Amino acid sequence: MPKRRLIEDIVQHPTRFYRAPFDVVRDRRFSDEERLQILGAWEREVREHDGEAIAADLARIDEARSEVQRRQTGVH
């Protein structure tokens, strides 16, 4: 499967491909920009579902996004 098609599939349903947001951060197949795109899609997916776990899920996504952004800026 071409990389672009894979990203499109992941963006449609990130939780089908990853168990946790930091799995996206560790996936070496993608650039940081692509990781941020996937994490953004994950956030949208979580926000579409109501439930008690939404705050915890959003916090994990935010932590993963912050890690990617730190790597982009070189701040550790």
N, C-alpha and C. Protein backbone atom coordinates (compact mmCIF):
# COMPACT_ATOMS: atom_id res chain seq x y z
N MET A 1 0.85 -1.17 0.00
CA MET A 1 0.00 0.00 0.00
C MET A 1 0.90 1.24 0.00
N PRO A 2 0.67 2.15 -0.92
CA PRO A 2 1.46 3.38 -0.95
C PRO A 2 1.29 4.17 0.35
N LYS A 3 2.33 4.88 0.72
CA LYS A 3 2.34 5.62 1.98
C LYS A 3 1.17 6.61 2.07
N ARG A 4 0.91 7.34 1.00
CA ARG A 4 -0.18 8.33 1.02
C ARG A 4 -1.52 7.65 1.32
N ARG A 5 -1.75 6.52 0.71
CA ARG A 5 -3.00 5.77 0.93
C ARG A 5 -3.06 5.28 2.37
N LEU A 6 -1.94 4.83 2.91
CA LEU A 6 -1.89 4.37 4.29
C LEU A 6 -2.26 5.50 5.24
N ILE A 7 -1.70 6.67 5.03
CA ILE A 7 -2.01 7.82 5.88
C ILE A 7 -3.49 8.16 5.78
N GLU A 8 -4.02 8.14 4.59
CA GLU A 8 -5.46 8.43 4.41
C GLU A 8 -6.30 7.44 5.20
N ASP A 9 -5.94 6.16 5.16
CA ASP A 9 -6.68 5.14 5.90
C ASP A 9 -6.56 5.37 7.40
N ILE A 10 -5.35 5.68 7.86
CA ILE A 10 -5.15 5.90 9.28
C ILE A 10 -5.92 7.12 9.75
N VAL A 11 -5.92 8.18 8.96
CA VAL A 11 -6.63 9.40 9.34
C VAL A 11 -8.14 9.14 9.44
N GLN A 12 -8.65 8.23 8.65
CA GLN A 12 -10.07 7.90 8.72
C GLN A 12 -10.43 7.22 10.04
N HIS A 13 -9.54 6.36 10.53
CA HIS A 13 -9.82 5.58 11.75
C HIS A 13 -8.51 5.28 12.49
N PRO A 14 -7.93 6.27 13.16
CA PRO A 14 -6.64 6.06 13.83
C PRO A 14 -6.64 4.93 14.86
N THR A 15 -7.75 4.76 15.57
CA THR A 15 -7.76 3.74 16.62
C THR A 15 -7.79 2.31 16.07
N ARG A 16 -8.02 2.17 14.81
CA ARG A 16 -7.93 0.84 14.19
C ARG A 16 -6.48 0.46 13.92
N PHE A 17 -5.61 1.45 13.87
CA PHE A 17 -4.21 1.21 13.55
C PHE A 17 -3.29 1.31 14.76
N TYR A 18 -3.70 2.07 15.77
CA TYR A 18 -2.85 2.30 16.94
C TYR A 18 -3.64 2.06 18.21
N ARG A 19 -2.95 1.54 19.23
CA ARG A 19 -3.59 1.30 20.53
C ARG A 19 -3.53 2.54 21.40
N ALA A 20 -2.48 3.36 21.23
CA ALA A 20 -2.29 4.54 22.07
C ALA A 20 -1.68 5.66 21.24
N PRO A 21 -1.94 6.91 21.61
CA PRO A 21 -1.40 8.03 20.84
C PRO A 21 0.13 8.02 20.71
N PHE A 22 0.84 7.57 21.75
CA PHE A 22 2.30 7.54 21.65
C PHE A 22 2.79 6.51 20.65
N ASP A 23 1.94 5.57 20.27
CA ASP A 23 2.31 4.64 19.19
C ASP A 23 2.49 5.40 17.88
N VAL A 24 1.72 6.46 17.70
CA VAL A 24 1.88 7.31 16.51
C VAL A 24 3.23 8.00 16.56
N VAL A 25 3.59 8.51 17.73
CA VAL A 25 4.88 9.20 17.89
C VAL A 25 6.04 8.27 17.56
N ARG A 26 5.93 7.01 17.96
CA ARG A 26 7.02 6.04 17.76
C ARG A 26 7.05 5.43 16.35
N ASP A 27 6.02 5.63 15.57
CA ASP A 27 5.95 5.04 14.23
C ASP A 27 6.92 5.76 13.30
N ARG A 28 7.97 5.10 12.93
CA ARG A 28 9.05 5.71 12.13
C ARG A 28 8.73 5.85 10.65
N ARG A 29 7.59 5.36 10.25
CA ARG A 29 7.23 5.46 8.83
C ARG A 29 6.83 6.86 8.42
N PHE A 30 6.50 7.71 9.40
CA PHE A 30 5.91 9.01 9.09
C PHE A 30 6.75 10.17 9.59
N SER A 31 6.59 11.29 8.91
CA SER A 31 7.24 12.53 9.34
C SER A 31 6.45 13.10 10.52
N ASP A 32 7.04 14.09 11.18
CA ASP A 32 6.34 14.72 12.29
C ASP A 32 5.05 15.39 11.82
N GLU A 33 5.07 15.98 10.65
CA GLU A 33 3.85 16.61 10.11
C GLU A 33 2.76 15.56 9.92
N GLU A 34 3.13 14.40 9.41
CA GLU A 34 2.15 13.33 9.22
C GLU A 34 1.65 12.81 10.57
N ARG A 35 2.54 12.72 11.54
CA ARG A 35 2.13 12.30 12.88
C ARG A 35 1.10 13.27 13.46
N LEU A 36 1.37 14.57 13.30
CA LEU A 36 0.42 15.57 13.81
C LEU A 36 -0.93 15.46 13.10
N GLN A 37 -0.90 15.15 11.83
CA GLN A 37 -2.15 14.96 11.08
C GLN A 37 -2.93 13.77 11.65
N ILE A 38 -2.24 12.69 11.93
CA ILE A 38 -2.88 11.50 12.48
C ILE A 38 -3.43 11.79 13.88
N LEU A 39 -2.64 12.48 14.71
CA LEU A 39 -3.10 12.80 16.06
C LEU A 39 -4.31 13.75 16.02
N GLY A 40 -4.32 14.67 15.08
CA GLY A 40 -5.47 15.55 14.92
C GLY A 40 -6.72 14.78 14.55
N ALA A 41 -6.55 13.79 13.68
CA ALA A 41 -7.69 12.95 13.30
C ALA A 41 -8.16 12.12 14.49
N TRP A 42 -7.22 11.66 15.29
CA TRP A 42 -7.56 10.89 16.48
C TRP A 42 -8.38 11.75 17.44
N GLU A 43 -7.96 12.99 17.62
CA GLU A 43 -8.69 13.89 18.50
C GLU A 43 -10.12 14.10 18.00
N ARG A 44 -10.27 14.31 16.71
CA ARG A 44 -11.62 14.48 16.14
C ARG A 44 -12.47 13.24 16.39
N GLU A 45 -11.86 12.07 16.22
CA GLU A 45 -12.59 10.82 16.45
C GLU A 45 -13.05 10.71 17.90
N VAL A 46 -12.18 11.05 18.83
CA VAL A 46 -12.52 10.98 20.25
C VAL A 46 -13.64 11.96 20.58
N ARG A 47 -13.56 13.16 20.04
CA ARG A 47 -14.57 14.18 20.34
C ARG A 47 -15.96 13.80 19.78
N GLU A 48 -15.99 12.94 18.77
CA GLU A 48 -17.26 12.50 18.20
C GLU A 48 -17.99 11.53 19.12
N HIS A 49 -17.26 10.92 20.05
CA HIS A 49 -17.84 9.93 20.95
C HIS A 49 -17.95 10.53 22.35
N ASP A 50 -19.07 10.35 22.94
CA ASP A 50 -19.27 10.80 24.32
C ASP A 50 -18.88 9.67 25.26
N GLY A 51 -18.50 10.04 26.46
CA GLY A 51 -18.19 9.02 27.46
C GLY A 51 -17.23 9.57 28.49
N GLU A 52 -17.02 8.78 29.52
CA GLU A 52 -16.17 9.20 30.63
C GLU A 52 -14.70 9.25 30.24
N ALA A 53 -14.28 8.46 29.32
CA ALA A 53 -12.86 8.37 28.98
C ALA A 53 -12.40 9.51 28.08
N ILE A 54 -13.29 10.36 27.64
CA ILE A 54 -12.92 11.37 26.66
C ILE A 54 -11.82 12.31 27.18
N ALA A 55 -11.89 12.75 28.43
CA ALA A 55 -10.88 13.66 28.97
C ALA A 55 -9.52 12.98 29.03
N ALA A 56 -9.48 11.74 29.47
CA ALA A 56 -8.22 11.00 29.54
C ALA A 56 -7.65 10.77 28.14
N ASP A 57 -8.51 10.42 27.20
CA ASP A 57 -8.07 10.20 25.82
C ASP A 57 -7.50 11.48 25.23
N LEU A 58 -8.18 12.58 25.45
CA LEU A 58 -7.70 13.86 24.92
C LEU A 58 -6.39 14.27 25.56
N ALA A 59 -6.21 13.98 26.83
CA ALA A 59 -4.95 14.29 27.52
C ALA A 59 -3.81 13.49 26.92
N ARG A 60 -4.02 12.22 26.63
CA ARG A 60 -2.97 11.38 26.03
C ARG A 60 -2.63 11.87 24.62
N ILE A 61 -3.64 12.26 23.87
CA ILE A 61 -3.41 12.80 22.53
C ILE A 61 -2.61 14.09 22.61
N ASP A 62 -2.96 14.95 23.56
CA ASP A 62 -2.26 16.23 23.73
C ASP A 62 -0.80 16.00 24.13
N GLU A 63 -0.54 15.03 24.99
CA GLU A 63 0.83 14.70 25.39
C GLU A 63 1.64 14.22 24.18
N ALA A 64 1.05 13.37 23.38
CA ALA A 64 1.73 12.87 22.19
C ALA A 64 2.00 14.00 21.20
N ARG A 65 1.02 14.87 21.01
CA ARG A 65 1.18 16.01 20.11
C ARG A 65 2.30 16.92 20.62
N SER A 66 2.35 17.16 21.92
CA SER A 66 3.39 18.01 22.50
C SER A 66 4.78 17.40 22.28
N GLU A 67 4.88 16.09 22.38
CA GLU A 67 6.17 15.42 22.15
C GLU A 67 6.63 15.62 20.70
N VAL A 68 5.72 15.47 19.76
CA VAL A 68 6.07 15.68 18.35
C VAL A 68 6.50 17.13 18.13
N GLN A 69 5.77 18.06 18.70
CA GLN A 69 6.10 19.48 18.53
C GLN A 69 7.45 19.82 19.18
N ARG A 70 7.75 19.21 20.33
CA ARG A 70 9.07 19.42 20.95
C ARG A 70 10.17 18.93 20.04
N ARG A 71 9.96 17.79 19.42
CA ARG A 71 10.98 17.26 18.49
C ARG A 71 11.16 18.17 17.29
N GLN A 72 10.06 18.76 16.82
CA GLN A 72 10.15 19.65 15.67
C GLN A 72 10.97 20.90 15.99
N THR A 73 10.81 21.41 17.20
CA THR A 73 11.50 22.66 17.57
C THR A 73 12.87 22.39 18.19
N GLY A 74 13.16 21.13 18.49
CA GLY A 74 14.44 20.79 19.08
C GLY A 74 14.51 21.06 20.57
N VAL A 75 13.36 21.35 21.20
CA VAL A 75 13.32 21.60 22.63
C VAL A 75 13.09 20.27 23.34
N HIS A 76 13.91 19.97 24.33
CA HIS A 76 13.77 18.68 25.04
C HIS A 76 13.42 18.88 26.47
